[in-house]
Amino acid sequence: MKTPASPHAAAAIDGVEIQLSDFELPEGDGPLVVEGAGGLLVPLNDQDTIADLIRRLGLPVILVSNLYLGNINHTLLSCEYLKKEEIEVAGIVFNGPSNPASEEVILKMTGLQLLLKIEQEKEITHEVISKYAKILKENLSNLN
């Protein structure tokens, strides 16, 4: 798909059908991160959402909370949905300029493990990605 839009809308514009059965995880020995598109309830087609894809792939979720006005509600609602749907959550990543008050409330109310804080970066480079990947890998290995 080429259209920058939610998956169901981009698929319709680009003449593509998205089915859950289209998705397969690649073979490999190392860690794998699969990024969702826009949120848990974003539709992939007329009946399936990103949450359905997560369930099908059997992967734990790393919830990303962007630190903006309204993020507490958004993050808590996402956590409640994941809990209701019995989808495993490995932890949370805070993204953006630090907001200690919001971070503290979210961690306390969700009970999630903080895995990573991503600062506002001027440029996304290989070095920046490597830095955060190393921290995330260390924090995930400490959970086990």
C-alpha atoms as a PDB file:
ATOM      1  CA  MET A   1       0.000   0.000   0.000  1.00  0.00           C
ATOM      2  CA  LYS A   2       1.194   3.478  -0.799  1.00  0.00           C
ATOM      3  CA  THR A   3      -1.496   5.765   0.631  1.00  0.00           C
ATOM      4  CA  PRO A   4      -0.604   7.273   4.024  1.00  0.00           C
ATOM      5  CA  ALA A   5      -3.824   6.475   5.908  1.00  0.00           C
ATOM      6  CA  SER A   6      -5.245   3.917   8.313  1.00  0.00           C
ATOM      7  CA  PRO A   7      -4.812   0.383   6.930  1.00  0.00           C
ATOM      8  CA  HIS A   8      -8.457  -0.128   5.932  1.00  0.00           C
ATOM      9  CA  ALA A   9      -8.657   3.254   4.200  1.00  0.00           C
ATOM     10  CA  ALA A  10      -5.289   2.872   2.451  1.00  0.00           C
ATOM     11  CA  ALA A  11      -6.275  -0.613   1.288  1.00  0.00           C
ATOM     12  CA  ALA A  12      -9.533   0.671  -0.182  1.00  0.00           C
ATOM     13  CA  ILE A  13      -7.803   3.536  -1.991  1.00  0.00           C
ATOM     14  CA  ASP A  14      -4.964   1.326  -3.260  1.00  0.00           C
ATOM     15  CA  GLY A  15      -7.269  -1.552  -4.277  1.00  0.00           C
ATOM     16  CA  VAL A  16      -5.800  -4.015  -1.762  1.00  0.00           C
ATOM     17  CA  GLU A  17      -7.595  -6.466   0.540  1.00  0.00           C
ATOM     18  CA  ILE A  18      -6.085  -7.056   3.964  1.00  0.00           C
ATOM     19  CA  GLN A  19      -6.785 -10.387   5.662  1.00  0.00           C
ATOM     20  CA  LEU A  20      -5.350 -11.633   8.956  1.00  0.00           C
ATOM     21  CA  SER A  21      -4.140 -14.739   7.144  1.00  0.00           C
ATOM     22  CA  ASP A  22      -1.861 -12.487   5.021  1.00  0.00           C
ATOM     23  CA  PHE A  23       0.433 -11.898   7.997  1.00  0.00           C
ATOM     24  CA  GLU A  24       3.274 -14.252   8.906  1.00  0.00           C
ATOM     25  CA  LEU A  25       6.198 -13.625  11.230  1.00  0.00           C
ATOM     26  CA  PRO A  26       9.619 -13.906   9.584  1.00  0.00           C
ATOM     27  CA  GLU A  27      12.015 -16.659  10.633  1.00  0.00           C
ATOM     28  CA  GLY A  28      14.953 -15.539  12.727  1.00  0.00           C
ATOM     29  CA  ASP A  29      16.978 -16.052  15.875  1.00  0.00           C
ATOM     30  CA  GLY A  30      17.072 -12.498  17.193  1.00  0.00           C
ATOM     31  CA  PRO A  31      14.496 -10.277  18.814  1.00  0.00           C
ATOM     32  CA  LEU A  32      11.586  -9.130  16.664  1.00  0.00           C
ATOM     33  CA  VAL A  33       9.504  -5.987  17.035  1.00  0.00           C
ATOM     34  CA  VAL A  34       6.232  -5.800  15.100  1.00  0.00           C
ATOM     35  CA  GLU A  35       4.771  -2.304  14.968  1.00  0.00           C
ATOM     36  CA  GLY A  36       1.020  -1.807  14.914  1.00  0.00           C
ATOM     37  CA  ALA A  37      -0.529   0.871  12.742  1.00  0.00           C
ATOM     38  CA  GLY A  38      -2.103   3.651  14.745  1.00  0.00           C
ATOM     39  CA  GLY A  39      -3.620   1.880  17.741  1.00  0.00           C
ATOM     40  CA  LEU A  40      -5.347  -1.241  18.998  1.00  0.00           C
ATOM     41  CA  LEU A  41      -8.748  -0.618  17.432  1.00  0.00           C
ATOM     42  CA  VAL A  42      -7.588   0.692  14.068  1.00  0.00           C
ATOM     43  CA  PRO A  43      -9.387  -1.395  11.440  1.00  0.00           C
ATOM     44  CA  LEU A  44      -7.494  -3.523   8.957  1.00  0.00           C
ATOM     45  CA  ASN A  45     -10.661  -4.344   7.021  1.00  0.00           C
ATOM     46  CA  ASP A  46     -14.418  -4.426   7.690  1.00  0.00           C
ATOM     47  CA  GLN A  47     -14.134  -6.896  10.568  1.00  0.00           C
ATOM     48  CA  ASP A  48     -10.548  -7.060  11.908  1.00  0.00           C
ATOM     49  CA  THR A  49      -8.456  -4.621  13.938  1.00  0.00           C
ATOM     50  CA  ILE A  50      -4.826  -4.319  14.974  1.00  0.00           C
ATOM     51  CA  ALA A  51      -5.824  -6.075  18.243  1.00  0.00           C
ATOM     52  CA  ASP A  52      -7.105  -9.038  16.220  1.00  0.00           C
ATOM     53  CA  LEU A  53      -3.753  -9.189  14.430  1.00  0.00           C
ATOM     54  CA  ILE A  54      -1.890  -9.090  17.758  1.00  0.00           C
ATOM     55  CA  ARG A  55      -4.030 -11.952  19.019  1.00  0.00           C
ATOM     56  CA  ARG A  56      -3.478 -13.968  15.820  1.00  0.00           C
ATOM     57  CA  LEU A  57       0.302 -13.524  15.939  1.00  0.00           C
ATOM     58  CA  GLY A  58       0.374 -14.380  19.659  1.00  0.00           C
ATOM     59  CA  LEU A  59       2.770 -11.609  20.559  1.00  0.00           C
ATOM     60  CA  PRO A  60       2.933  -9.654  23.811  1.00  0.00           C
ATOM     61  CA  VAL A  61       2.286  -5.928  23.499  1.00  0.00           C
ATOM     62  CA  ILE A  62       4.671  -3.143  24.331  1.00  0.00           C
ATOM     63  CA  LEU A  63       2.308  -0.228  24.784  1.00  0.00           C
ATOM     64  CA  VAL A  64       3.667   3.122  23.602  1.00  0.00           C
ATOM     65  CA  SER A  65       2.316   6.180  25.373  1.00  0.00           C
ATOM     66  CA  ASN A  66       2.990   9.495  23.680  1.00  0.00           C
ATOM     67  CA  LEU A  67       3.210  12.195  26.316  1.00  0.00           C
ATOM     68  CA  TYR A  68       0.621  14.773  25.231  1.00  0.00           C
ATOM     69  CA  LEU A  69      -2.481  16.311  26.786  1.00  0.00           C
ATOM     70  CA  GLY A  70      -5.006  13.479  27.083  1.00  0.00           C
ATOM     71  CA  ASN A  71      -2.455  10.678  27.080  1.00  0.00           C
ATOM     72  CA  ILE A  72      -3.394   9.428  30.551  1.00  0.00           C
ATOM     73  CA  ASN A  73      -6.932   8.634  29.444  1.00  0.00           C
ATOM     74  CA  HIS A  74      -5.800   7.207  26.108  1.00  0.00           C
ATOM     75  CA  THR A  75      -3.186   4.968  27.756  1.00  0.00           C
ATOM     76  CA  LEU A  76      -5.488   3.767  30.553  1.00  0.00           C
ATOM     77  CA  LEU A  77      -8.236   2.940  28.034  1.00  0.00           C
ATOM     78  CA  SER A  78      -5.754   0.958  25.936  1.00  0.00           C
ATOM     79  CA  CYS A  79      -4.580  -0.943  29.020  1.00  0.00           C
ATOM     80  CA  GLU A  80      -8.156  -1.734  30.048  1.00  0.00           C
ATOM     81  CA  TYR A  81      -8.940  -3.010  26.563  1.00  0.00           C
ATOM     82  CA  LEU A  82      -5.853  -5.237  26.512  1.00  0.00           C
ATOM     83  CA  LYS A  83      -6.741  -6.620  29.935  1.00  0.00           C
ATOM     84  CA  LYS A  84     -10.365  -7.261  28.899  1.00  0.00           C
ATOM     85  CA  GLU A  85      -9.191  -9.036  25.743  1.00  0.00           C
ATOM     86  CA  GLU A  86      -6.601 -11.029  27.728  1.00  0.00           C
ATOM     87  CA  ILE A  87      -3.748  -9.818  25.546  1.00  0.00           C
ATOM     88  CA  GLU A  88      -0.380  -9.992  27.311  1.00  0.00           C
ATOM     89  CA  VAL A  89       1.379  -6.672  27.891  1.00  0.00           C
ATOM     90  CA  ALA A  90       5.158  -6.815  28.351  1.00  0.00           C
ATOM     91  CA  GLY A  91       5.398  -3.197  29.496  1.00  0.00           C
ATOM     92  CA  ILE A  92       5.195   0.417  28.459  1.00  0.00           C
ATOM     93  CA  VAL A  93       7.337   2.886  26.543  1.00  0.00           C
ATOM     94  CA  PHE A  94       6.941   6.623  27.091  1.00  0.00           C
ATOM     95  CA  ASN A  95       7.586   8.673  23.975  1.00  0.00           C
ATOM     96  CA  GLY A  96       8.266  12.398  23.851  1.00  0.00           C
ATOM     97  CA  PRO A  97       9.336  15.110  26.267  1.00  0.00           C
ATOM     98  CA  SER A  98       9.271  13.835  29.839  1.00  0.00           C
ATOM     99  CA  ASN A  99       6.116  14.406  31.891  1.00  0.00           C
ATOM    100  CA  PRO A 100       6.846  12.839  35.298  1.00  0.00           C
ATOM    101  CA  ALA A 101       3.363  13.487  36.712  1.00  0.00           C
ATOM    102  CA  SER A 102       1.636  11.701  33.826  1.00  0.00           C
ATOM    103  CA  GLU A 103       4.198   8.907  33.775  1.00  0.00           C
ATOM    104  CA  GLU A 104       3.772   8.272  37.505  1.00  0.00           C
ATOM    105  CA  VAL A 105      -0.028   8.126  37.294  1.00  0.00           C
ATOM    106  CA  ILE A 106       0.034   5.777  34.307  1.00  0.00           C
ATOM    107  CA  LEU A 107       2.544   3.409  35.911  1.00  0.00           C
ATOM    108  CA  LYS A 108       0.658   3.389  39.211  1.00  0.00           C
ATOM    109  CA  MET A 109      -2.795   2.859  37.689  1.00  0.00           C
ATOM    110  CA  THR A 110      -1.737   0.220  35.150  1.00  0.00           C
ATOM    111  CA  GLY A 111       0.900  -1.639  37.119  1.00  0.00           C
ATOM    112  CA  LEU A 112       2.924  -1.863  33.915  1.00  0.00           C
ATOM    113  CA  GLN A 113       6.705  -2.107  33.876  1.00  0.00           C
ATOM    114  CA  LEU A 114       8.470   0.901  32.341  1.00  0.00           C
ATOM    115  CA  LEU A 115      10.622  -0.480  29.521  1.00  0.00           C
ATOM    116  CA  LEU A 116      11.935   2.668  27.871  1.00  0.00           C
ATOM    117  CA  LYS A 117      11.694   6.450  27.655  1.00  0.00           C
ATOM    118  CA  ILE A 118      12.228   7.858  24.181  1.00  0.00           C
ATOM    119  CA  GLU A 119      13.175  11.523  24.158  1.00  0.00           C
ATOM    120  CA  GLN A 120      12.304  13.998  21.438  1.00  0.00           C
ATOM    121  CA  GLU A 121      15.140  13.387  18.980  1.00  0.00           C
ATOM    122  CA  LYS A 122      16.266  15.975  16.456  1.00  0.00           C
ATOM    123  CA  GLU A 123      17.092  13.242  13.961  1.00  0.00           C
ATOM    124  CA  ILE A 124      16.458   9.504  13.814  1.00  0.00           C
ATOM    125  CA  THR A 125      19.781   7.881  12.959  1.00  0.00           C
ATOM    126  CA  HIS A 126      21.155   4.362  13.153  1.00  0.00           C
ATOM    127  CA  GLU A 127      22.950   5.378  16.370  1.00  0.00           C
ATOM    128  CA  VAL A 128      19.749   6.688  17.973  1.00  0.00           C
ATOM    129  CA  ILE A 129      17.844   3.522  17.076  1.00  0.00           C
ATOM    130  CA  SER A 130      20.704   1.349  18.355  1.00  0.00           C
ATOM    131  CA  LYS A 131      20.823   3.269  21.641  1.00  0.00           C
ATOM    132  CA  TYR A 132      17.124   2.734  22.351  1.00  0.00           C
ATOM    133  CA  ALA A 133      17.156  -0.872  21.089  1.00  0.00           C
ATOM    134  CA  LYS A 134      19.957  -1.701  23.532  1.00  0.00           C
ATOM    135  CA  ILE A 135      18.073  -0.179  26.481  1.00  0.00           C
ATOM    136  CA  LEU A 136      14.840  -1.937  25.514  1.00  0.00           C
ATOM    137  CA  LYS A 137      16.597  -5.283  25.090  1.00  0.00           C
ATOM    138  CA  GLU A 138      18.237  -4.950  28.514  1.00  0.00           C
ATOM    139  CA  ASN A 139      14.964  -4.013  30.209  1.00  0.00           C
ATOM    140  CA  LEU A 140      13.059  -6.854  28.539  1.00  0.00           C
ATOM    141  CA  SER A 141      15.732  -9.392  29.555  1.00  0.00           C
ATOM    142  CA  ASN A 142      15.477  -8.149  33.154  1.00  0.00           C
ATOM    143  CA  LEU A 143      11.759  -9.051  33.162  1.00  0.00           C
ATOM    144  CA  ASN A 144      12.500 -12.767  32.734  1.00  0.00           C
END
